[in-house]
Amino acid sequence: MPFKHLVLLLAVVIAAAAVTIWLGMRAASAFSLPQSAMALVPLALLAIVLVRLLRGRTRQK
């Protein structure tokens, strides 16, 4: 991959993450959620991914 494309990809990913966090904080303040509730979102997503991985590895093929 050319260096120029790598830098562009990294910039887009970082910008997307920043916008996601910004929107999440705005939504949390609109619904009067504590900031600790926002920390639970990534943990819940991680738990879902781990459960799906473990289920996929224990299934008989």
C-alpha atoms as a PDB file:
ATOM      1  CA  MET A   1       0.000   0.000   0.000  1.00  0.00           C
ATOM      2  CA  PRO A   2       1.431   3.376  -0.885  1.00  0.00           C
ATOM      3  CA  PHE A   3       2.327   5.609   2.041  1.00  0.00           C
ATOM      4  CA  LYS A   4      -0.047   8.323   0.805  1.00  0.00           C
ATOM      5  CA  HIS A   5      -3.010   5.924   0.991  1.00  0.00           C
ATOM      6  CA  LEU A   6      -1.992   4.709   4.434  1.00  0.00           C
ATOM      7  CA  VAL A   7      -1.898   8.248   5.790  1.00  0.00           C
ATOM      8  CA  LEU A   8      -5.265   9.032   4.207  1.00  0.00           C
ATOM      9  CA  LEU A   9      -6.799   5.875   5.672  1.00  0.00           C
ATOM     10  CA  LEU A  10      -5.459   6.645   9.147  1.00  0.00           C
ATOM     11  CA  ALA A  11      -6.750  10.225   8.948  1.00  0.00           C
ATOM     12  CA  VAL A  12     -10.232   9.057   7.925  1.00  0.00           C
ATOM     13  CA  VAL A  13     -10.378   6.446  10.692  1.00  0.00           C
ATOM     14  CA  ILE A  14      -9.255   8.935  13.350  1.00  0.00           C
ATOM     15  CA  ALA A  15     -11.764  11.516  12.109  1.00  0.00           C
ATOM     16  CA  ALA A  16     -14.565   8.934  12.144  1.00  0.00           C
ATOM     17  CA  ALA A  17     -13.690   7.939  15.707  1.00  0.00           C
ATOM     18  CA  ALA A  18     -13.680  11.588  16.801  1.00  0.00           C
ATOM     19  CA  VAL A  19     -17.088  12.219  15.223  1.00  0.00           C
ATOM     20  CA  THR A  20     -18.475   9.062  16.822  1.00  0.00           C
ATOM     21  CA  ILE A  21     -17.293  10.109  20.276  1.00  0.00           C
ATOM     22  CA  TRP A  22     -18.588  13.648  19.767  1.00  0.00           C
ATOM     23  CA  LEU A  23     -22.028  12.404  18.697  1.00  0.00           C
ATOM     24  CA  GLY A  24     -22.121   9.939  21.572  1.00  0.00           C
ATOM     25  CA  MET A  25     -21.374  12.659  24.102  1.00  0.00           C
ATOM     26  CA  ARG A  26     -24.040  14.921  22.582  1.00  0.00           C
ATOM     27  CA  ALA A  27     -26.564  12.080  22.732  1.00  0.00           C
ATOM     28  CA  ALA A  28     -25.624  11.297  26.323  1.00  0.00           C
ATOM     29  CA  SER A  29     -26.126  14.895  27.378  1.00  0.00           C
ATOM     30  CA  ALA A  30     -29.433  15.088  25.491  1.00  0.00           C
ATOM     31  CA  PHE A  31     -30.748  12.035  27.345  1.00  0.00           C
ATOM     32  CA  SER A  32     -29.141  13.082  30.656  1.00  0.00           C
ATOM     33  CA  LEU A  33     -27.040   9.936  30.887  1.00  0.00           C
ATOM     34  CA  PRO A  34     -24.009   9.913  33.169  1.00  0.00           C
ATOM     35  CA  GLN A  35     -20.648   9.672  31.431  1.00  0.00           C
ATOM     36  CA  SER A  36     -20.054   6.317  33.082  1.00  0.00           C
ATOM     37  CA  ALA A  37     -22.921   4.972  30.955  1.00  0.00           C
ATOM     38  CA  MET A  38     -20.984   5.985  27.855  1.00  0.00           C
ATOM     39  CA  ALA A  39     -18.080   3.841  29.054  1.00  0.00           C
ATOM     40  CA  LEU A  40     -20.375   0.821  29.104  1.00  0.00           C
ATOM     41  CA  VAL A  41     -21.074   1.018  25.368  1.00  0.00           C
ATOM     42  CA  PRO A  42     -17.599  -0.139  24.237  1.00  0.00           C
ATOM     43  CA  LEU A  43     -17.596  -2.785  26.952  1.00  0.00           C
ATOM     44  CA  ALA A  44     -20.937  -4.113  25.736  1.00  0.00           C
ATOM     45  CA  LEU A  45     -19.694  -4.190  22.149  1.00  0.00           C
ATOM     46  CA  LEU A  46     -16.553  -6.028  23.230  1.00  0.00           C
ATOM     47  CA  ALA A  47     -18.652  -8.557  25.130  1.00  0.00           C
ATOM     48  CA  ILE A  48     -20.830  -9.166  22.072  1.00  0.00           C
ATOM     49  CA  VAL A  49     -17.791  -9.732  19.868  1.00  0.00           C
ATOM     50  CA  LEU A  50     -16.218 -12.117  22.389  1.00  0.00           C
ATOM     51  CA  VAL A  51     -19.434 -14.127  22.753  1.00  0.00           C
ATOM     52  CA  ARG A  52     -19.769 -14.442  18.987  1.00  0.00           C
ATOM     53  CA  LEU A  53     -16.139 -15.512  18.655  1.00  0.00           C
ATOM     54  CA  LEU A  54     -16.457 -18.106  21.387  1.00  0.00           C
ATOM     55  CA  ARG A  55     -19.685 -19.476  19.952  1.00  0.00           C
ATOM     56  CA  GLY A  56     -18.134 -19.718  16.509  1.00  0.00           C
ATOM     57  CA  ARG A  57     -15.117 -21.609  17.797  1.00  0.00           C
ATOM     58  CA  THR A  58     -17.115 -24.108  19.838  1.00  0.00           C
ATOM     59  CA  ARG A  59     -19.581 -25.023  17.087  1.00  0.00           C
ATOM     60  CA  GLN A  60     -19.165 -28.336  15.344  1.00  0.00           C
ATOM     61  CA  LYS A  61     -18.515 -27.940  11.646  1.00  0.00           C
END
